[in-house]
Amino acid sequence: MFIKILFFLAKFAPFRVFQAFGSFLGFLMVLSNSKSLKTSSTNLKHVFKSKTKEEIDYLSRNSVRQTSLSLMEAIYVWSNSRDFSRKIYPLISKVNNESKFDSLLGEGKGLIIISSHIGNMELLISWMAHKAENLIIPFTKVKIKLLTIL
């Protein structure tokens, strides 16, 4: 229910409000020593065996904060993707290699974009849909049952 409320509010609240809420949520997750923080810390210890406890703590806190912020940004983009020109496009300050994208798209041969899911993939997808008429996005079905009701 909480997630549905967030999707509803995203249609009316300014983007900066969602960013602030994401930052606040991340702060609470760090403050409460959440499961996400513990998992992040455990994973980072395995990956960076030479880092000190302080460095691992710093990285895991920032990871949780940024993940929370990205979640709120994704909800905002999903909720407002139909109003991309007015609500989302003005938020984009820089697109690397946009002229290359436009040039290749203009050739009419089709274009395959391969990207990791780091950052806000939802924004990239919305931006590409805004630029291209025929956009096909293959995906994998959601494996978390709770998310399928959205």
N, C-alpha and C. Protein backbone atom coordinates (compact mmCIF):
# COMPACT_ATOMS: atom_id res chain seq x y z
N MET A 1 0.82 -1.20 0.00
CA MET A 1 0.00 0.00 0.00
C MET A 1 0.86 1.26 0.00
N PHE A 2 1.94 1.23 0.79
CA PHE A 2 2.83 2.39 0.89
C PHE A 2 3.42 2.76 -0.48
N ILE A 3 3.80 1.74 -1.24
CA ILE A 3 4.40 1.99 -2.55
C ILE A 3 3.39 2.61 -3.51
N LYS A 4 2.13 2.18 -3.42
CA LYS A 4 1.08 2.76 -4.26
C LYS A 4 0.87 4.23 -3.93
N ILE A 5 0.96 4.57 -2.66
CA ILE A 5 0.83 5.97 -2.24
C ILE A 5 1.97 6.79 -2.83
N LEU A 6 3.18 6.24 -2.81
CA LEU A 6 4.33 6.95 -3.39
C LEU A 6 4.13 7.19 -4.88
N PHE A 7 3.63 6.18 -5.60
CA PHE A 7 3.39 6.35 -7.03
C PHE A 7 2.33 7.44 -7.27
N PHE A 8 1.31 7.48 -6.44
CA PHE A 8 0.27 8.50 -6.56
C PHE A 8 0.84 9.88 -6.28
N LEU A 9 1.58 10.01 -5.19
CA LEU A 9 2.16 11.31 -4.81
C LEU A 9 3.16 11.83 -5.84
N ALA A 10 3.85 10.92 -6.51
CA ALA A 10 4.86 11.33 -7.49
C ALA A 10 4.26 12.12 -8.65
N LYS A 11 2.98 11.93 -8.90
CA LYS A 11 2.33 12.66 -9.98
C LYS A 11 2.09 14.13 -9.62
N PHE A 12 2.14 14.44 -8.34
CA PHE A 12 1.83 15.80 -7.91
C PHE A 12 3.00 16.52 -7.23
N ALA A 13 3.85 15.78 -6.58
CA ALA A 13 4.96 16.38 -5.83
C ALA A 13 6.11 16.73 -6.77
N PRO A 14 6.83 17.80 -6.47
CA PRO A 14 8.01 18.14 -7.27
C PRO A 14 9.11 17.08 -7.10
N PHE A 15 9.95 16.98 -8.11
CA PHE A 15 11.05 16.01 -8.11
C PHE A 15 11.95 16.19 -6.89
N ARG A 16 12.24 17.41 -6.53
CA ARG A 16 13.13 17.68 -5.39
C ARG A 16 12.56 17.13 -4.08
N VAL A 17 11.25 17.10 -3.96
CA VAL A 17 10.61 16.53 -2.77
C VAL A 17 10.90 15.03 -2.71
N PHE A 18 10.83 14.36 -3.86
CA PHE A 18 11.12 12.93 -3.89
C PHE A 18 12.59 12.66 -3.61
N GLN A 19 13.46 13.51 -4.10
CA GLN A 19 14.89 13.35 -3.79
C GLN A 19 15.13 13.52 -2.30
N ALA A 20 14.51 14.53 -1.71
CA ALA A 20 14.68 14.78 -0.27
C ALA A 20 14.15 13.59 0.53
N PHE A 21 13.01 13.05 0.12
CA PHE A 21 12.45 11.90 0.83
C PHE A 21 13.37 10.69 0.70
N GLY A 22 13.93 10.48 -0.49
CA GLY A 22 14.87 9.37 -0.69
C GLY A 22 16.10 9.51 0.18
N SER A 23 16.61 10.73 0.29
CA SER A 23 17.77 10.98 1.16
C SER A 23 17.41 10.73 2.62
N PHE A 24 16.24 11.19 3.02
CA PHE A 24 15.79 11.00 4.40
C PHE A 24 15.59 9.51 4.71
N LEU A 25 15.00 8.79 3.78
CA LEU A 25 14.80 7.35 3.95
C LEU A 25 16.15 6.63 4.09
N GLY A 26 17.11 7.02 3.27
CA GLY A 26 18.45 6.45 3.37
C GLY A 26 19.09 6.75 4.71
N PHE A 27 18.90 7.97 5.19
CA PHE A 27 19.42 8.37 6.50
C PHE A 27 18.82 7.49 7.60
N LEU A 28 17.50 7.26 7.52
CA LEU A 28 16.83 6.41 8.52
C LEU A 28 17.34 4.97 8.45
N MET A 29 17.59 4.49 7.26
CA MET A 29 18.09 3.12 7.11
C MET A 29 19.48 2.96 7.72
N VAL A 30 20.29 3.99 7.59
CA VAL A 30 21.63 3.96 8.20
C VAL A 30 21.50 4.09 9.72
N LEU A 31 20.68 5.04 10.15
CA LEU A 31 20.50 5.30 11.58
C LEU A 31 19.96 4.07 12.32
N SER A 32 19.06 3.34 11.67
CA SER A 32 18.44 2.17 12.32
C SER A 32 19.25 0.89 12.15
N ASN A 33 20.41 1.01 11.50
CA ASN A 33 21.25 -0.16 11.25
C ASN A 33 20.44 -1.25 10.54
N SER A 34 19.79 -0.87 9.45
CA SER A 34 18.86 -1.74 8.72
C SER A 34 19.54 -2.98 8.15
N LYS A 35 18.69 -3.91 7.76
CA LYS A 35 19.18 -5.15 7.14
C LYS A 35 19.94 -4.82 5.85
N SER A 36 19.46 -3.84 5.10
CA SER A 36 20.15 -3.43 3.87
C SER A 36 21.56 -2.95 4.15
N LEU A 37 21.71 -2.20 5.22
CA LEU A 37 23.03 -1.70 5.60
C LEU A 37 23.95 -2.85 5.97
N LYS A 38 23.43 -3.79 6.73
CA LYS A 38 24.23 -4.95 7.15
C LYS A 38 24.63 -5.80 5.93
N THR A 39 23.69 -6.00 5.02
CA THR A 39 23.97 -6.78 3.82
C THR A 39 25.02 -6.09 2.96
N SER A 40 24.87 -4.79 2.79
CA SER A 40 25.84 -4.03 2.02
C SER A 40 27.23 -4.13 2.63
N SER A 41 27.30 -3.99 3.93
CA SER A 41 28.57 -4.07 4.64
C SER A 41 29.21 -5.45 4.47
N THR A 42 28.41 -6.49 4.62
CA THR A 42 28.91 -7.86 4.46
C THR A 42 29.46 -8.08 3.05
N ASN A 43 28.70 -7.64 2.05
CA ASN A 43 29.14 -7.81 0.67
C ASN A 43 30.43 -7.05 0.38
N LEU A 44 30.50 -5.82 0.88
CA LEU A 44 31.70 -5.01 0.65
C LEU A 44 32.93 -5.60 1.33
N LYS A 45 32.74 -6.22 2.49
CA LYS A 45 33.87 -6.87 3.18
C LYS A 45 34.44 -8.00 2.33
N HIS A 46 33.56 -8.72 1.63
CA HIS A 46 34.01 -9.82 0.78
C HIS A 46 34.74 -9.32 -0.47
N VAL A 47 34.28 -8.20 -0.98
CA VAL A 47 34.86 -7.66 -2.21
C VAL A 47 36.16 -6.90 -1.95
N PHE A 48 36.17 -6.10 -0.88
CA PHE A 48 37.33 -5.26 -0.56
C PHE A 48 37.99 -5.75 0.72
N LYS A 49 38.68 -6.84 0.63
CA LYS A 49 39.30 -7.45 1.81
C LYS A 49 40.37 -6.57 2.46
N SER A 50 40.98 -5.69 1.69
CA SER A 50 42.06 -4.86 2.24
C SER A 50 41.56 -3.55 2.86
N LYS A 51 40.28 -3.25 2.73
CA LYS A 51 39.75 -2.00 3.30
C LYS A 51 39.55 -2.13 4.80
N THR A 52 39.70 -0.98 5.48
CA THR A 52 39.50 -0.96 6.93
C THR A 52 38.02 -0.99 7.25
N LYS A 53 37.69 -1.23 8.50
CA LYS A 53 36.29 -1.23 8.95
C LYS A 53 35.65 0.13 8.68
N GLU A 54 36.40 1.20 8.92
CA GLU A 54 35.88 2.55 8.71
C GLU A 54 35.56 2.79 7.23
N GLU A 55 36.43 2.31 6.35
CA GLU A 55 36.20 2.47 4.92
C GLU A 55 34.98 1.66 4.47
N ILE A 56 34.85 0.45 4.97
CA ILE A 56 33.68 -0.39 4.65
C ILE A 56 32.41 0.26 5.17
N ASP A 57 32.44 0.78 6.39
CA ASP A 57 31.27 1.45 6.96
C ASP A 57 30.87 2.65 6.11
N TYR A 58 31.85 3.42 5.69
CA TYR A 58 31.59 4.61 4.87
C TYR A 58 30.94 4.20 3.54
N LEU A 59 31.52 3.20 2.89
CA LEU A 59 30.98 2.73 1.61
C LEU A 59 29.58 2.15 1.75
N SER A 60 29.33 1.38 2.79
CA SER A 60 28.00 0.77 2.96
C SER A 60 26.95 1.83 3.29
N ARG A 61 27.30 2.81 4.10
CA ARG A 61 26.34 3.90 4.39
C ARG A 61 25.98 4.65 3.10
N ASN A 62 26.99 4.98 2.31
CA ASN A 62 26.73 5.69 1.06
C ASN A 62 25.95 4.83 0.07
N SER A 63 26.21 3.55 0.04
CA SER A 63 25.49 2.64 -0.84
C SER A 63 24.00 2.63 -0.50
N VAL A 64 23.68 2.52 0.78
CA VAL A 64 22.28 2.49 1.21
C VAL A 64 21.60 3.82 0.91
N ARG A 65 22.29 4.91 1.17
CA ARG A 65 21.71 6.24 0.89
C ARG A 65 21.43 6.41 -0.60
N GLN A 66 22.40 6.05 -1.44
CA GLN A 66 22.23 6.20 -2.88
C GLN A 66 21.16 5.26 -3.45
N THR A 67 21.07 4.08 -2.91
CA THR A 67 20.03 3.14 -3.35
C THR A 67 18.65 3.68 -3.03
N SER A 68 18.50 4.24 -1.85
CA SER A 68 17.22 4.83 -1.44
C SER A 68 16.87 6.02 -2.34
N LEU A 69 17.85 6.84 -2.62
CA LEU A 69 17.64 7.99 -3.50
C LEU A 69 17.25 7.52 -4.90
N SER A 70 17.94 6.53 -5.43
CA SER A 70 17.62 5.99 -6.76
C SER A 70 16.22 5.40 -6.82
N LEU A 71 15.79 4.76 -5.74
CA LEU A 71 14.44 4.20 -5.69
C LEU A 71 13.39 5.30 -5.83
N MET A 72 13.56 6.39 -5.09
CA MET A 72 12.60 7.48 -5.17
C MET A 72 12.62 8.15 -6.54
N GLU A 73 13.80 8.29 -7.12
CA GLU A 73 13.90 8.87 -8.46
C GLU A 73 13.22 7.96 -9.48
N ALA A 74 13.39 6.66 -9.35
CA ALA A 74 12.76 5.71 -10.27
C ALA A 74 11.24 5.79 -10.16
N ILE A 75 10.72 5.86 -8.96
CA ILE A 75 9.26 5.98 -8.77
C ILE A 75 8.75 7.26 -9.43
N TYR A 76 9.49 8.34 -9.28
CA TYR A 76 9.09 9.61 -9.90
C TYR A 76 9.06 9.48 -11.42
N VAL A 77 10.10 8.88 -12.00
CA VAL A 77 10.16 8.73 -13.45
C VAL A 77 9.05 7.80 -13.94
N TRP A 78 8.84 6.67 -13.28
CA TRP A 78 7.76 5.75 -13.67
C TRP A 78 6.40 6.46 -13.64
N SER A 79 6.17 7.22 -12.60
CA SER A 79 4.87 7.86 -12.42
C SER A 79 4.62 8.98 -13.42
N ASN A 80 5.67 9.57 -13.93
CA ASN A 80 5.52 10.73 -14.80
C ASN A 80 6.00 10.50 -16.23
N SER A 81 6.22 9.26 -16.61
CA SER A 81 6.78 8.98 -17.93
C SER A 81 5.86 9.41 -19.07
N ARG A 82 4.58 9.45 -18.84
CA ARG A 82 3.64 9.89 -19.90
C ARG A 82 3.68 11.40 -20.10
N ASP A 83 4.23 12.10 -19.14
CA ASP A 83 4.37 13.55 -19.22
C ASP A 83 5.86 13.90 -19.29
N PHE A 84 6.60 13.10 -20.06
CA PHE A 84 8.06 13.19 -20.11
C PHE A 84 8.54 14.59 -20.49
N SER A 85 7.98 15.17 -21.55
CA SER A 85 8.46 16.46 -22.04
C SER A 85 8.38 17.56 -20.99
N ARG A 86 7.33 17.55 -20.20
CA ARG A 86 7.12 18.61 -19.22
C ARG A 86 7.77 18.33 -17.87
N LYS A 87 7.75 17.09 -17.41
CA LYS A 87 8.19 16.80 -16.04
C LYS A 87 9.55 16.12 -15.93
N ILE A 88 9.94 15.34 -16.92
CA ILE A 88 11.18 14.58 -16.81
C ILE A 88 12.31 15.21 -17.63
N TYR A 89 12.05 15.52 -18.89
CA TYR A 89 13.11 16.04 -19.76
C TYR A 89 13.83 17.26 -19.18
N PRO A 90 13.14 18.20 -18.56
CA PRO A 90 13.85 19.35 -17.98
C PRO A 90 14.83 18.98 -16.85
N LEU A 91 14.70 17.80 -16.28
CA LEU A 91 15.60 17.37 -15.21
C LEU A 91 16.93 16.85 -15.75
N ILE A 92 16.99 16.56 -17.04
CA ILE A 92 18.21 16.00 -17.64
C ILE A 92 19.16 17.15 -17.96
N SER A 93 20.32 17.14 -17.33
CA SER A 93 21.28 18.23 -17.54
C SER A 93 22.33 17.89 -18.60
N LYS A 94 22.61 16.61 -18.79
CA LYS A 94 23.64 16.22 -19.74
C LYS A 94 23.39 14.79 -20.22
N VAL A 95 23.57 14.59 -21.53
CA VAL A 95 23.49 13.26 -22.11
C VAL A 95 24.79 13.04 -22.88
N ASN A 96 25.57 12.09 -22.45
CA ASN A 96 26.82 11.78 -23.15
C ASN A 96 26.51 11.11 -24.49
N ASN A 97 27.18 11.58 -25.53
CA ASN A 97 27.07 11.00 -26.87
C ASN A 97 25.67 11.07 -27.46
N GLU A 98 24.90 12.09 -27.09
CA GLU A 98 23.55 12.23 -27.63
C GLU A 98 23.58 12.40 -29.15
N SER A 99 24.54 13.16 -29.66
CA SER A 99 24.61 13.38 -31.11
C SER A 99 24.90 12.06 -31.84
N LYS A 100 25.71 11.20 -31.23
CA LYS A 100 25.99 9.89 -31.82
C LYS A 100 24.71 9.04 -31.85
N PHE A 101 23.96 9.07 -30.75
CA PHE A 101 22.68 8.36 -30.67
C PHE A 101 21.75 8.86 -31.78
N ASP A 102 21.60 10.18 -31.90
CA ASP A 102 20.72 10.77 -32.90
C ASP A 102 21.16 10.41 -34.32
N SER A 103 22.47 10.45 -34.55
CA SER A 103 23.01 10.13 -35.87
C SER A 103 22.71 8.68 -36.26
N LEU A 104 23.00 7.77 -35.36
CA LEU A 104 22.75 6.35 -35.63
C LEU A 104 21.26 6.07 -35.77
N LEU A 105 20.45 6.71 -34.95
CA LEU A 105 19.00 6.53 -35.03
C LEU A 105 18.48 7.04 -36.37
N GLY A 106 19.06 8.15 -36.83
CA GLY A 106 18.64 8.77 -38.09
C GLY A 106 18.96 7.94 -39.32
N GLU A 107 19.86 6.99 -39.21
CA GLU A 107 20.21 6.14 -40.34
C GLU A 107 19.09 5.16 -40.69
N GLY A 108 18.15 4.97 -39.77
CA GLY A 108 17.00 4.12 -40.04
C GLY A 108 17.30 2.62 -40.10
N LYS A 109 18.44 2.21 -39.62
CA LYS A 109 18.82 0.80 -39.65
C LYS A 109 18.46 0.07 -38.36
N GLY A 110 18.03 0.80 -37.39
CA GLY A 110 17.79 0.21 -36.07
C GLY A 110 19.01 0.41 -35.21
N LEU A 111 18.82 0.34 -33.94
CA LEU A 111 19.89 0.61 -33.00
C LEU A 111 19.69 -0.27 -31.78
N ILE A 112 20.74 -0.94 -31.36
CA ILE A 112 20.68 -1.77 -30.16
C ILE A 112 21.49 -1.08 -29.07
N ILE A 113 20.85 -0.83 -27.95
CA ILE A 113 21.51 -0.22 -26.80
C ILE A 113 21.65 -1.29 -25.73
N ILE A 114 22.85 -1.47 -25.23
CA ILE A 114 23.08 -2.41 -24.14
C ILE A 114 23.58 -1.60 -22.96
N SER A 115 22.94 -1.76 -21.83
CA SER A 115 23.30 -0.97 -20.66
C SER A 115 23.18 -1.80 -19.40
N SER A 116 24.02 -1.47 -18.45
CA SER A 116 23.86 -2.09 -17.13
C SER A 116 22.70 -1.38 -16.43
N HIS A 117 22.27 -1.90 -15.33
CA HIS A 117 21.16 -1.31 -14.60
C HIS A 117 21.67 -0.44 -13.46
N ILE A 118 22.83 0.16 -13.66
CA ILE A 118 23.40 1.03 -12.63
C ILE A 118 22.84 2.43 -12.83
N GLY A 119 22.45 3.07 -11.76
CA GLY A 119 21.88 4.40 -11.84
C GLY A 119 20.39 4.30 -12.08
N ASN A 120 19.86 5.20 -12.84
CA ASN A 120 18.43 5.24 -13.06
C ASN A 120 18.10 4.78 -14.47
N MET A 121 18.02 3.48 -14.65
CA MET A 121 17.71 2.88 -15.94
C MET A 121 16.35 3.38 -16.45
N GLU A 122 15.43 3.63 -15.54
CA GLU A 122 14.10 4.10 -15.91
C GLU A 122 14.18 5.43 -16.66
N LEU A 123 15.09 6.29 -16.24
CA LEU A 123 15.27 7.57 -16.91
C LEU A 123 15.82 7.36 -18.32
N LEU A 124 16.78 6.47 -18.46
CA LEU A 124 17.35 6.16 -19.77
C LEU A 124 16.26 5.63 -20.71
N ILE A 125 15.45 4.72 -20.21
CA ILE A 125 14.39 4.15 -21.04
C ILE A 125 13.39 5.23 -21.46
N SER A 126 12.99 6.09 -20.55
CA SER A 126 12.05 7.16 -20.88
C SER A 126 12.66 8.12 -21.89
N TRP A 127 13.93 8.44 -21.72
CA TRP A 127 14.62 9.34 -22.65
C TRP A 127 14.67 8.73 -24.05
N MET A 128 15.02 7.44 -24.14
CA MET A 128 15.08 6.77 -25.44
C MET A 128 13.69 6.70 -26.08
N ALA A 129 12.67 6.45 -25.30
CA ALA A 129 11.31 6.40 -25.83
C ALA A 129 10.88 7.76 -26.36
N HIS A 130 11.37 8.82 -25.73
CA HIS A 130 11.08 10.19 -26.16
C HIS A 130 11.76 10.48 -27.51
N LYS A 131 12.93 9.89 -27.72
CA LYS A 131 13.72 10.16 -28.92
C LYS A 131 13.35 9.25 -30.09
N ALA A 132 12.91 8.04 -29.81
CA ALA A 132 12.68 7.04 -30.86
C ALA A 132 11.21 6.68 -30.95
N GLU A 133 10.72 6.49 -32.18
CA GLU A 133 9.32 6.13 -32.37
C GLU A 133 9.05 4.67 -32.03
N ASN A 134 9.89 3.79 -32.49
CA ASN A 134 9.69 2.35 -32.29
C ASN A 134 10.75 1.83 -31.33
N LEU A 135 10.36 1.69 -30.10
CA LEU A 135 11.30 1.25 -29.07
C LEU A 135 10.83 -0.08 -28.50
N ILE A 136 11.70 -1.07 -28.52
CA ILE A 136 11.40 -2.38 -27.95
C ILE A 136 12.36 -2.62 -26.81
N ILE A 137 11.82 -2.97 -25.65
CA ILE A 137 12.65 -3.20 -24.47
C ILE A 137 12.38 -4.60 -23.95
N PRO A 138 13.32 -5.53 -24.17
CA PRO A 138 13.14 -6.87 -23.60
C PRO A 138 13.36 -6.81 -22.09
N PHE A 139 12.64 -7.61 -21.37
CA PHE A 139 12.79 -7.61 -19.92
C PHE A 139 12.53 -9.00 -19.37
N THR A 140 12.90 -9.17 -18.12
CA THR A 140 12.64 -10.42 -17.42
C THR A 140 11.49 -10.19 -16.45
N LYS A 141 10.59 -11.14 -16.38
CA LYS A 141 9.45 -11.03 -15.48
C LYS A 141 9.92 -10.85 -14.04
N VAL A 142 9.20 -10.00 -13.32
CA VAL A 142 9.52 -9.72 -11.92
C VAL A 142 9.39 -10.99 -11.10
N LYS A 143 10.39 -11.27 -10.27
CA LYS A 143 10.39 -12.49 -9.47
C LYS A 143 9.87 -12.27 -8.06
N ILE A 144 9.71 -11.01 -7.67
CA ILE A 144 9.21 -10.70 -6.33
C ILE A 144 7.70 -10.50 -6.44
N LYS A 145 6.94 -11.39 -5.85
CA LYS A 145 5.49 -11.41 -6.00
C LYS A 145 4.84 -10.07 -5.64
N LEU A 146 5.32 -9.42 -4.59
CA LEU A 146 4.75 -8.15 -4.15
C LEU A 146 4.80 -7.10 -5.26
N LEU A 147 5.86 -7.11 -6.07
CA LEU A 147 6.01 -6.12 -7.13
C LEU A 147 5.10 -6.37 -8.32
N THR A 148 4.57 -7.55 -8.48
CA THR A 148 3.71 -7.85 -9.62
C THR A 148 2.35 -7.18 -9.51
N ILE A 149 1.96 -6.73 -8.32
CA ILE A 149 0.66 -6.07 -8.16
C ILE A 149 0.71 -4.62 -8.60
N LEU A 150 1.90 -4.09 -8.84
CA LEU A 150 2.04 -2.71 -9.28
C LEU A 150 1.64 -2.63 -10.72
